[in-house]
N, C-alpha and C. Protein backbone atom coordinates (compact mmCIF):
# COMPACT_ATOMS: atom_id res chain seq x y z
N MET A 1 -34.99 11.08 4.32
CA MET A 1 -33.79 10.12 4.12
C MET A 1 -32.82 11.13 3.53
N ASN A 2 -31.84 11.30 4.20
CA ASN A 2 -30.75 12.07 3.85
C ASN A 2 -29.83 11.62 2.46
N ASN A 3 -28.96 12.20 2.11
CA ASN A 3 -28.10 12.07 0.81
C ASN A 3 -26.92 10.87 1.23
N HIS A 4 -26.75 10.82 2.30
CA HIS A 4 -25.40 9.59 2.73
C HIS A 4 -25.88 8.30 2.38
N ASN A 5 -27.45 8.30 2.88
CA ASN A 5 -28.08 6.89 2.66
C ASN A 5 -28.45 6.57 1.34
N ASN A 6 -28.70 7.81 0.70
CA ASN A 6 -29.04 7.64 -1.16
C ASN A 6 -27.62 7.14 -1.82
N ILE A 7 -26.42 7.39 -1.32
CA ILE A 7 -25.34 6.71 -2.15
C ILE A 7 -25.09 5.46 -1.74
N SER A 8 -24.81 4.84 -2.65
CA SER A 8 -24.67 3.17 -2.41
C SER A 8 -23.34 2.92 -2.12
N VAL A 9 -23.44 2.16 -1.03
CA VAL A 9 -21.95 1.67 -0.01
C VAL A 9 -21.02 1.29 -1.07
N HIS A 10 -21.21 0.68 -2.52
CA HIS A 10 -20.25 0.52 -3.41
C HIS A 10 -19.39 1.89 -3.76
N THR A 11 -20.44 2.55 -4.13
CA THR A 11 -20.30 4.15 -4.76
C THR A 11 -19.09 4.83 -3.86
N ARG A 12 -19.52 4.66 -2.53
CA ARG A 12 -18.61 5.42 -1.40
C ARG A 12 -17.38 4.67 -1.35
N LYS A 13 -17.17 3.65 -1.26
CA LYS A 13 -15.75 2.78 -1.27
C LYS A 13 -14.90 3.03 -2.82
N LEU A 14 -16.01 3.08 -3.74
CA LEU A 14 -14.99 3.30 -5.03
C LEU A 14 -14.28 4.58 -4.67
N CYS A 15 -15.12 5.59 -4.30
CA CYS A 15 -14.70 6.96 -4.60
C CYS A 15 -13.61 7.13 -3.34
N LEU A 16 -13.61 6.66 -2.23
CA LEU A 16 -12.75 6.36 -1.13
C LEU A 16 -11.14 5.66 -1.82
N ALA A 17 -11.34 4.94 -2.42
CA ALA A 17 -10.28 4.30 -2.86
C ALA A 17 -9.51 5.00 -3.74
N ALA A 18 -10.67 5.85 -5.00
CA ALA A 18 -10.03 6.43 -5.90
C ALA A 18 -9.06 7.82 -5.23
N VAL A 19 -9.70 8.62 -3.83
CA VAL A 19 -8.89 9.47 -3.30
C VAL A 19 -7.69 8.88 -2.61
N LEU A 20 -7.85 7.83 -2.03
CA LEU A 20 -6.23 6.90 -1.45
C LEU A 20 -5.53 6.40 -2.62
N MET A 21 -6.08 5.99 -3.86
CA MET A 21 -5.35 5.71 -4.84
C MET A 21 -4.32 7.11 -5.50
N SER A 22 -5.29 8.20 -5.36
CA SER A 22 -4.56 9.41 -5.97
C SER A 22 -3.55 9.88 -4.97
N CYS A 23 -3.62 9.55 -3.58
CA CYS A 23 -2.59 9.71 -2.51
C CYS A 23 -1.37 8.72 -2.93
N ASN A 24 -1.32 7.59 -3.06
CA ASN A 24 -0.41 6.72 -3.57
C ASN A 24 0.36 7.02 -4.76
N ILE A 25 -0.60 7.51 -5.89
CA ILE A 25 -0.11 8.12 -6.70
C ILE A 25 0.96 9.26 -6.75
N ILE A 26 0.66 10.23 -5.79
CA ILE A 26 1.27 11.21 -5.46
C ILE A 26 2.54 11.25 -4.73
N LEU A 27 2.33 10.29 -3.77
CA LEU A 27 3.45 9.61 -2.74
C LEU A 27 4.49 8.93 -3.48
N SER A 28 4.00 8.12 -4.71
CA SER A 28 5.08 7.20 -5.19
C SER A 28 5.61 8.57 -6.34
N SER A 29 5.40 9.83 -6.51
CA SER A 29 5.76 10.34 -7.30
C SER A 29 6.92 11.31 -6.59
N ILE A 30 6.91 11.34 -5.48
CA ILE A 30 7.90 12.05 -4.16
C ILE A 30 8.84 11.26 -3.68
N GLY A 31 9.88 11.40 -3.80
CA GLY A 31 10.89 10.65 -3.35
C GLY A 31 11.96 11.29 -2.39
N VAL A 32 12.58 10.64 -1.72
CA VAL A 32 13.62 11.32 -0.97
C VAL A 32 14.87 10.79 -1.34
N PRO A 33 16.02 11.46 -1.91
CA PRO A 33 17.15 11.01 -2.35
C PRO A 33 17.98 10.44 -1.44
N VAL A 34 18.50 9.24 -2.14
CA VAL A 34 19.26 8.20 -0.97
C VAL A 34 20.50 7.49 -1.79
N PRO A 35 21.19 6.99 -1.32
CA PRO A 35 22.69 6.38 -2.41
C PRO A 35 21.97 5.39 -3.22
N GLY A 36 21.84 5.63 -4.54
CA GLY A 36 21.49 4.64 -5.67
C GLY A 36 20.02 4.78 -5.84
N GLY A 37 19.26 6.17 -5.42
CA GLY A 37 18.03 6.19 -5.99
C GLY A 37 17.24 7.38 -5.14
N HIS A 38 15.83 6.57 -4.71
CA HIS A 38 15.20 7.42 -3.77
C HIS A 38 14.29 6.56 -2.67
N LEU A 39 13.87 7.18 -1.73
CA LEU A 39 12.94 6.55 -0.90
C LEU A 39 11.88 6.92 -1.06
N TYR A 40 10.81 6.47 -1.05
CA TYR A 40 9.21 6.57 -1.35
C TYR A 40 8.29 6.39 0.02
N PHE A 41 7.11 7.23 0.04
CA PHE A 41 6.43 6.80 1.61
C PHE A 41 5.15 6.53 1.02
N ASN A 42 5.15 5.99 0.08
CA ASN A 42 3.52 5.06 -0.68
C ASN A 42 3.40 4.08 0.42
N ASP A 43 4.19 3.75 0.60
CA ASP A 43 3.90 2.31 1.45
C ASP A 43 2.70 2.67 2.75
N THR A 44 3.20 3.52 3.19
CA THR A 44 2.12 4.33 4.54
C THR A 44 0.81 4.06 3.84
N VAL A 45 0.49 4.65 2.98
CA VAL A 45 -0.62 4.73 2.22
C VAL A 45 -1.49 3.34 1.98
N ILE A 46 -0.24 2.59 1.22
CA ILE A 46 -0.77 1.23 0.91
C ILE A 46 -1.43 0.15 2.21
N VAL A 47 -0.30 0.49 3.17
CA VAL A 47 -0.69 -0.30 4.49
C VAL A 47 -1.91 0.20 5.11
N ALA A 48 -2.26 1.56 5.22
CA ALA A 48 -3.40 1.90 5.53
C ALA A 48 -4.54 1.90 5.00
N SER A 49 -4.76 1.80 4.00
CA SER A 49 -5.45 1.52 2.77
C SER A 49 -6.15 0.22 2.96
N ALA A 50 -5.15 -0.86 2.59
CA ALA A 50 -5.51 -2.10 3.20
C ALA A 50 -6.20 -2.53 4.54
N ILE A 51 -5.72 -1.86 5.34
CA ILE A 51 -6.22 -2.02 6.80
C ILE A 51 -7.65 -1.85 6.58
N LEU A 52 -8.22 -0.72 6.03
CA LEU A 52 -9.35 -0.12 6.04
C LEU A 52 -10.33 -0.88 4.83
N LEU A 53 -9.95 -1.11 3.46
CA LEU A 53 -10.46 -1.64 2.70
C LEU A 53 -10.58 -2.99 2.37
N ASP A 54 -11.78 -3.39 1.63
CA ASP A 54 -11.71 -5.05 1.36
C ASP A 54 -10.73 -5.29 0.57
N PRO A 55 -10.13 -6.44 0.31
CA PRO A 55 -8.93 -6.78 -0.67
C PRO A 55 -9.01 -6.41 -2.04
N PHE A 56 -10.56 -6.09 -2.98
CA PHE A 56 -10.26 -5.87 -4.00
C PHE A 56 -10.17 -4.12 -4.32
N TYR A 57 -10.65 -3.34 -3.47
CA TYR A 57 -10.37 -1.84 -2.98
C TYR A 57 -8.82 -2.02 -2.94
N ALA A 58 -8.55 -2.70 -1.91
CA ALA A 58 -6.96 -2.69 -1.46
C ALA A 58 -6.38 -2.85 -2.52
N PHE A 59 -6.33 -4.13 -3.49
CA PHE A 59 -5.43 -3.98 -4.77
C PHE A 59 -5.56 -2.76 -5.42
N LEU A 60 -6.79 -2.02 -5.73
CA LEU A 60 -7.09 -0.94 -6.50
C LEU A 60 -6.02 0.03 -6.12
N VAL A 61 -5.84 0.08 -4.59
CA VAL A 61 -5.36 1.61 -4.22
C VAL A 61 -3.77 1.18 -4.48
N GLY A 62 -3.15 -0.21 -3.88
CA GLY A 62 -2.03 -0.41 -3.62
C GLY A 62 -1.36 -0.70 -4.83
N GLY A 63 -1.77 -1.90 -5.73
CA GLY A 63 -1.34 -2.24 -6.80
C GLY A 63 -1.48 -1.07 -8.23
N VAL A 64 -2.78 -1.03 -8.48
CA VAL A 64 -3.17 0.11 -9.79
C VAL A 64 -2.82 1.61 -9.20
N GLY A 65 -2.75 1.80 -8.24
CA GLY A 65 -2.21 3.01 -7.71
C GLY A 65 -0.68 3.22 -7.93
N ALA A 66 0.32 2.19 -7.38
CA ALA A 66 1.66 2.25 -7.78
C ALA A 66 2.07 2.34 -9.12
N PHE A 67 1.17 1.18 -9.72
CA PHE A 67 1.38 1.40 -11.28
C PHE A 67 1.07 2.47 -12.22
N LEU A 68 -0.02 3.23 -11.88
CA LEU A 68 -0.09 4.72 -12.28
C LEU A 68 1.05 5.53 -11.65
N GLY A 69 1.65 5.65 -10.77
CA GLY A 69 2.56 6.57 -10.40
C GLY A 69 3.71 5.99 -11.09
N ASP A 70 3.95 4.71 -11.36
CA ASP A 70 5.32 4.75 -11.97
C ASP A 70 5.07 4.79 -13.28
N PHE A 71 4.17 4.39 -13.94
CA PHE A 71 3.69 4.80 -15.32
C PHE A 71 3.39 6.69 -15.42
N PHE A 72 3.11 7.45 -14.62
CA PHE A 72 2.99 8.76 -14.85
C PHE A 72 4.65 9.17 -14.64
N PHE A 73 5.72 8.49 -13.70
CA PHE A 73 6.83 9.21 -13.22
C PHE A 73 8.11 8.31 -13.82
N TYR A 74 7.84 7.31 -13.66
CA TYR A 74 9.15 6.23 -13.97
C TYR A 74 8.50 5.08 -14.52
N PRO A 75 8.15 4.81 -15.69
CA PRO A 75 7.46 3.62 -16.32
C PRO A 75 8.30 2.24 -15.68
N ALA A 76 9.47 2.07 -16.20
CA ALA A 76 10.33 0.85 -16.23
C ALA A 76 9.73 -0.33 -15.20
N PRO A 77 9.47 -0.04 -13.84
CA PRO A 77 9.43 -0.75 -12.77
C PRO A 77 7.53 -1.13 -12.43
N MET A 78 6.72 -0.28 -14.01
CA MET A 78 5.38 -0.13 -13.33
C MET A 78 4.44 -1.50 -13.30
N PHE A 79 4.91 -2.61 -14.02
CA PHE A 79 4.43 -3.86 -13.63
C PHE A 79 5.08 -4.79 -12.70
N VAL A 80 6.27 -4.44 -11.90
CA VAL A 80 6.88 -4.66 -10.73
C VAL A 80 5.94 -4.27 -9.46
N SER A 81 5.66 -2.82 -9.73
CA SER A 81 4.76 -2.03 -9.00
C SER A 81 3.38 -2.76 -8.66
N LEU A 82 2.63 -3.10 -9.96
CA LEU A 82 1.48 -3.57 -10.02
C LEU A 82 1.24 -4.63 -8.99
N VAL A 83 2.39 -5.73 -9.13
CA VAL A 83 2.16 -7.25 -9.20
C VAL A 83 2.67 -7.00 -7.50
N THR A 84 3.55 -6.46 -7.33
CA THR A 84 4.11 -6.62 -5.99
C THR A 84 3.39 -5.64 -4.72
N HIS A 85 3.06 -4.51 -5.31
CA HIS A 85 2.06 -3.74 -4.05
C HIS A 85 0.69 -3.94 -4.23
N GLY A 86 0.11 -4.50 -5.29
CA GLY A 86 -0.87 -5.36 -5.20
C GLY A 86 -1.02 -6.67 -4.56
N LEU A 87 -0.21 -7.46 -4.61
CA LEU A 87 -0.07 -8.53 -3.60
C LEU A 87 0.04 -7.91 -1.90
N GLN A 88 0.75 -7.10 -1.89
CA GLN A 88 0.94 -6.75 -0.68
C GLN A 88 -0.39 -5.78 0.02
N ALA A 89 -1.19 -5.25 -0.67
CA ALA A 89 -2.53 -4.72 -0.46
C ALA A 89 -3.65 -6.22 -0.08
N LEU A 90 -3.50 -6.91 -1.00
CA LEU A 90 -4.60 -8.16 -0.54
C LEU A 90 -4.42 -8.87 0.72
N VAL A 91 -2.60 -9.12 0.80
CA VAL A 91 -2.56 -10.15 1.93
C VAL A 91 -2.85 -8.99 3.25
N ILE A 92 -2.36 -8.06 3.19
CA ILE A 92 -2.61 -7.05 4.46
C ILE A 92 -4.16 -6.94 4.90
N SER A 93 -5.19 -6.53 3.45
CA SER A 93 -6.43 -6.55 3.84
C SER A 93 -7.24 -8.03 4.17
N TRP A 94 -6.62 -8.78 3.81
CA TRP A 94 -7.06 -10.62 3.96
C TRP A 94 -6.76 -10.28 5.42
N CYS A 95 -5.76 -10.18 6.10
CA CYS A 95 -5.51 -10.43 7.23
C CYS A 95 -6.03 -9.23 8.48
N ALA A 96 -6.43 -8.16 7.92
CA ALA A 96 -7.26 -7.16 8.76
C ALA A 96 -8.46 -7.72 8.67
N HIS A 97 -8.93 -8.34 7.85
CA HIS A 97 -10.26 -8.30 8.02
C HIS A 97 -11.30 -9.79 8.24
N HIS A 98 -9.80 -10.74 8.13
CA HIS A 98 -9.96 -12.43 8.09
C HIS A 98 -9.26 -13.00 9.31
N LEU A 99 -8.37 -12.39 9.78
CA LEU A 99 -7.48 -13.01 10.66
C LEU A 99 -7.85 -12.28 12.42
N MET A 100 -8.06 -13.37 13.21
CA MET A 100 -8.17 -12.57 14.66
C MET A 100 -9.32 -11.57 14.78
N LYS A 101 -10.33 -12.10 14.15
CA LYS A 101 -11.38 -10.88 14.69
C LYS A 101 -11.58 -10.12 15.72
N ASP A 102 -11.42 -10.38 16.63
CA ASP A 102 -11.31 -9.81 17.94
C ASP A 102 -10.01 -9.11 18.51
N HIS A 103 -9.21 -9.19 17.65
CA HIS A 103 -8.18 -8.14 17.73
C HIS A 103 -7.48 -7.75 16.55
N LYS A 104 -8.48 -6.80 15.87
CA LYS A 104 -8.46 -6.15 14.64
C LYS A 104 -6.62 -5.42 14.31
N ALA A 105 -6.34 -4.97 15.49
CA ALA A 105 -4.91 -4.22 15.36
C ALA A 105 -3.98 -4.94 15.03
N ALA A 106 -3.91 -6.06 16.18
CA ALA A 106 -3.04 -7.23 15.96
C ALA A 106 -2.90 -8.00 14.33
N ALA A 107 -4.09 -8.37 14.33
CA ALA A 107 -4.26 -8.62 12.82
C ALA A 107 -3.75 -7.83 11.50
N ALA A 108 -3.93 -6.49 11.63
CA ALA A 108 -3.45 -5.47 10.75
C ALA A 108 -2.04 -5.76 10.84
N MET A 109 -1.36 -5.65 11.79
CA MET A 109 0.05 -5.60 11.99
C MET A 109 0.79 -7.05 11.41
N VAL A 110 0.05 -8.03 11.77
CA VAL A 110 0.48 -9.44 11.08
C VAL A 110 0.54 -8.96 9.43
N GLY A 111 -0.67 -8.75 9.24
CA GLY A 111 -0.79 -8.29 7.59
C GLY A 111 0.23 -7.56 7.15
N ALA A 112 0.64 -6.53 7.87
CA ALA A 112 1.39 -5.23 7.58
C ALA A 112 2.76 -6.07 7.14
N ILE A 113 3.30 -6.53 8.08
CA ILE A 113 4.44 -7.53 8.00
C ILE A 113 4.59 -8.47 7.05
N LEU A 114 3.57 -9.57 6.91
CA LEU A 114 3.65 -9.95 5.69
C LEU A 114 3.74 -9.41 4.75
N GLY A 115 2.95 -8.13 4.45
CA GLY A 115 2.78 -7.27 3.12
C GLY A 115 4.42 -6.70 3.26
N GLY A 116 4.96 -6.33 4.28
CA GLY A 116 6.21 -5.70 3.98
C GLY A 116 7.44 -6.77 3.50
N ILE A 117 7.10 -7.90 4.00
CA ILE A 117 7.90 -9.06 3.30
C ILE A 117 7.62 -9.08 2.06
N ILE A 118 6.23 -9.27 1.40
CA ILE A 118 5.90 -9.23 0.16
C ILE A 118 6.84 -8.08 -0.74
N MET A 119 6.65 -6.96 -0.25
CA MET A 119 7.21 -5.55 -0.82
C MET A 119 8.50 -6.03 -1.27
N VAL A 120 9.44 -5.99 -0.24
CA VAL A 120 10.71 -6.25 -0.17
C VAL A 120 11.18 -7.38 -1.19
N ILE A 121 10.64 -8.47 -1.12
CA ILE A 121 11.11 -9.72 -1.83
C ILE A 121 10.40 -9.53 -3.52
N GLY A 122 9.27 -8.59 -3.75
CA GLY A 122 8.87 -8.97 -4.73
C GLY A 122 9.71 -7.67 -5.63
N TYR A 123 10.07 -6.32 -4.90
CA TYR A 123 10.81 -5.61 -5.27
C TYR A 123 12.23 -5.83 -5.82
N SER A 124 12.58 -6.66 -4.73
CA SER A 124 14.05 -7.11 -5.12
C SER A 124 14.16 -7.82 -6.37
N LEU A 125 13.32 -9.07 -6.37
CA LEU A 125 13.33 -9.79 -7.18
C LEU A 125 13.16 -9.13 -8.91
N GLY A 126 12.03 -7.78 -8.70
CA GLY A 126 11.86 -7.36 -9.88
C GLY A 126 12.85 -6.24 -10.76
N ARG A 127 13.68 -5.67 -9.26
CA ARG A 127 14.77 -5.06 -9.74
C ARG A 127 15.79 -6.17 -10.58
N ALA A 128 15.82 -7.08 -10.07
CA ALA A 128 17.21 -7.64 -10.77
C ALA A 128 16.26 -8.04 -11.88
N TYR A 129 15.27 -8.43 -12.34
CA TYR A 129 14.74 -8.70 -13.54
C TYR A 129 14.65 -7.40 -14.69
N VAL A 130 14.05 -6.25 -14.42
CA VAL A 130 13.87 -4.98 -14.85
C VAL A 130 15.37 -4.69 -15.26
N TYR A 131 16.17 -4.63 -14.32
CA TYR A 131 17.37 -3.75 -14.47
C TYR A 131 18.78 -4.79 -15.12
N ALA A 132 18.35 -6.23 -15.07
CA ALA A 132 19.15 -7.40 -15.27
C ALA A 132 20.46 -7.44 -14.36
N THR A 133 20.19 -6.77 -13.47
CA THR A 133 21.39 -7.00 -12.45
C THR A 133 20.76 -7.32 -11.19
N PRO A 134 21.33 -8.72 -10.42
CA PRO A 134 20.76 -8.75 -9.05
C PRO A 134 21.70 -8.18 -8.03
N GLU A 135 23.09 -7.54 -8.61
CA GLU A 135 24.00 -6.69 -7.66
C GLU A 135 23.19 -5.35 -7.57
N TYR A 136 22.13 -4.69 -8.65
CA TYR A 136 21.34 -3.72 -8.28
C TYR A 136 20.43 -3.73 -7.09
N ALA A 137 19.93 -4.71 -7.21
CA ALA A 137 18.54 -5.20 -6.22
C ALA A 137 19.36 -5.03 -4.89
N ILE A 138 20.34 -5.96 -4.56
CA ILE A 138 21.01 -6.14 -3.49
C ILE A 138 21.59 -4.55 -2.92
N ILE A 139 21.87 -3.68 -3.82
CA ILE A 139 22.45 -2.30 -3.36
C ILE A 139 21.08 -1.90 -2.84
N LYS A 140 20.06 -1.97 -3.69
CA LYS A 140 18.56 -1.13 -2.97
C LYS A 140 18.09 -1.61 -1.82
N LEU A 141 18.54 -3.06 -1.56
CA LEU A 141 17.73 -4.07 -0.37
C LEU A 141 17.57 -3.13 0.81
N PRO A 142 18.60 -2.47 1.33
CA PRO A 142 18.54 -1.95 2.63
C PRO A 142 17.31 -0.64 2.94
N PHE A 143 17.21 -0.05 1.33
CA PHE A 143 16.26 1.00 1.13
C PHE A 143 14.73 0.33 1.11
N GLU A 144 14.84 -0.59 0.50
CA GLU A 144 13.35 -1.64 0.50
C GLU A 144 12.89 -2.13 1.79
N ILE A 145 13.91 -2.19 2.44
CA ILE A 145 13.64 -2.80 3.97
C ILE A 145 13.06 -1.42 4.69
N LEU A 146 13.69 -0.62 4.64
CA LEU A 146 13.20 0.76 5.06
C LEU A 146 12.02 1.42 4.56
N GLN A 147 12.05 1.20 3.60
CA GLN A 147 10.50 1.84 3.09
C GLN A 147 9.20 0.79 3.68
N ALA A 148 9.59 -0.24 3.52
CA ALA A 148 8.45 -1.52 3.87
C ALA A 148 8.28 -1.00 5.29
N SER A 149 9.27 -0.75 6.39
CA SER A 149 9.26 -0.69 7.55
C SER A 149 8.56 0.32 7.81
N LEU A 150 8.65 1.22 7.28
CA LEU A 150 7.94 3.20 7.53
C LEU A 150 6.23 2.71 7.20
N GLY A 151 6.25 1.83 6.34
CA GLY A 151 4.69 1.42 5.95
C GLY A 151 4.30 0.74 7.04
N ILE A 152 4.93 -0.46 7.07
CA ILE A 152 4.51 -1.55 8.76
C ILE A 152 4.40 -0.19 9.89
N VAL A 153 4.73 0.75 10.12
CA VAL A 153 4.81 1.31 11.53
C VAL A 153 3.84 2.42 11.24
N PHE A 154 3.98 3.13 10.25
CA PHE A 154 2.98 4.46 10.17
C PHE A 154 1.70 4.02 9.52
N GLY A 155 1.49 3.01 8.89
CA GLY A 155 0.15 2.70 8.35
C GLY A 155 -0.88 2.28 9.69
N PRO A 156 -0.42 1.27 10.36
CA PRO A 156 -1.25 1.30 11.39
C PRO A 156 -1.51 2.26 12.24
N LEU A 157 -0.41 3.06 12.44
CA LEU A 157 -0.38 4.25 13.40
C LEU A 157 -1.77 5.43 12.83
N LEU A 158 -1.53 5.60 11.57
CA LEU A 158 -2.62 6.24 11.19
C LEU A 158 -3.85 5.51 11.59
N VAL A 159 -4.08 4.46 10.87
CA VAL A 159 -5.54 3.93 11.02
C VAL A 159 -6.31 3.78 12.98
N PHE A 160 -5.20 3.47 13.34
CA PHE A 160 -5.76 2.80 14.85
C PHE A 160 -5.45 4.14 16.24
N LYS A 161 -4.11 4.57 15.74
CA LYS A 161 -4.16 5.95 16.93
C LYS A 161 -4.29 7.28 16.12
N ALA A 162 -4.48 7.77 15.03
CA ALA A 162 -4.61 8.87 14.54
C ALA A 162 -6.24 8.68 14.12
N HIS A 163 -6.94 7.29 14.27
CA HIS A 163 -8.15 7.16 14.46
C HIS A 163 -8.72 7.29 12.77
N LEU A 164 -8.03 7.10 11.96
CA LEU A 164 -8.75 6.88 10.78
C LEU A 164 -9.82 6.19 10.38
N ASN A 165 -9.45 4.77 11.22
CA ASN A 165 -10.70 3.40 10.90
C ASN A 165 -12.15 4.29 11.48
N ARG A 166 -11.90 5.48 12.50
CA ARG A 166 -13.39 5.80 12.87
C ARG A 166 -14.15 6.71 11.93
N LEU A 167 -12.88 7.83 11.39
CA LEU A 167 -13.41 8.25 10.06
C LEU A 167 -14.09 7.56 8.99
N PHE A 168 -13.24 6.79 8.53
CA PHE A 168 -13.62 5.88 7.64
C PHE A 168 -14.93 4.95 7.67
N GLU A 169 -15.19 4.53 9.03
CA GLU A 169 -16.69 3.76 9.36
C GLU A 169 -17.79 4.64 9.24
N LYS A 170 -17.44 6.13 9.26
CA LYS A 170 -18.44 7.15 9.21
C LYS A 170 -18.61 7.49 7.70
N ILE A 171 -17.55 7.61 7.12
CA ILE A 171 -17.76 7.68 5.65
C ILE A 171 -18.34 6.30 4.83
N ALA A 172 -17.95 5.05 4.86
CA ALA A 172 -18.09 3.96 4.38
C ALA A 172 -19.40 3.47 4.77
């Protein structure tokens, strides 16, 4: 019996989730400057991870990963990130694994779009609360939409066109 079979499925999934969570933390710390703040690329990791992982591990990567990224680099919105990216990942994962089982890519896209909507609304409401100004949330809205759109496009591309799903199946 080889070592791959000796390691439990949960241990492998937890290790994969930890690696993906670290990618989320790193990408949530690197932002492209835009008027009024920064644009982050961690949504791509969150979407791709949520498509690959079950809802529990997706929440860890998306919610806890974004929370830790904010905690280490910019703590003000860390609880907004936990809830918003956590819900985003849960919805994407649920859709990818339970919706249209014969059309996994289509189900993943539905989930990614719903997750993007959750992200935009969650961050807009969160910014209005954390910074006590709805105007700030409105100013950031186009960038939230752009960030969500990047995740919606590139997350599924990584999984289905760059064949991350095949690699994941071999490992998990």
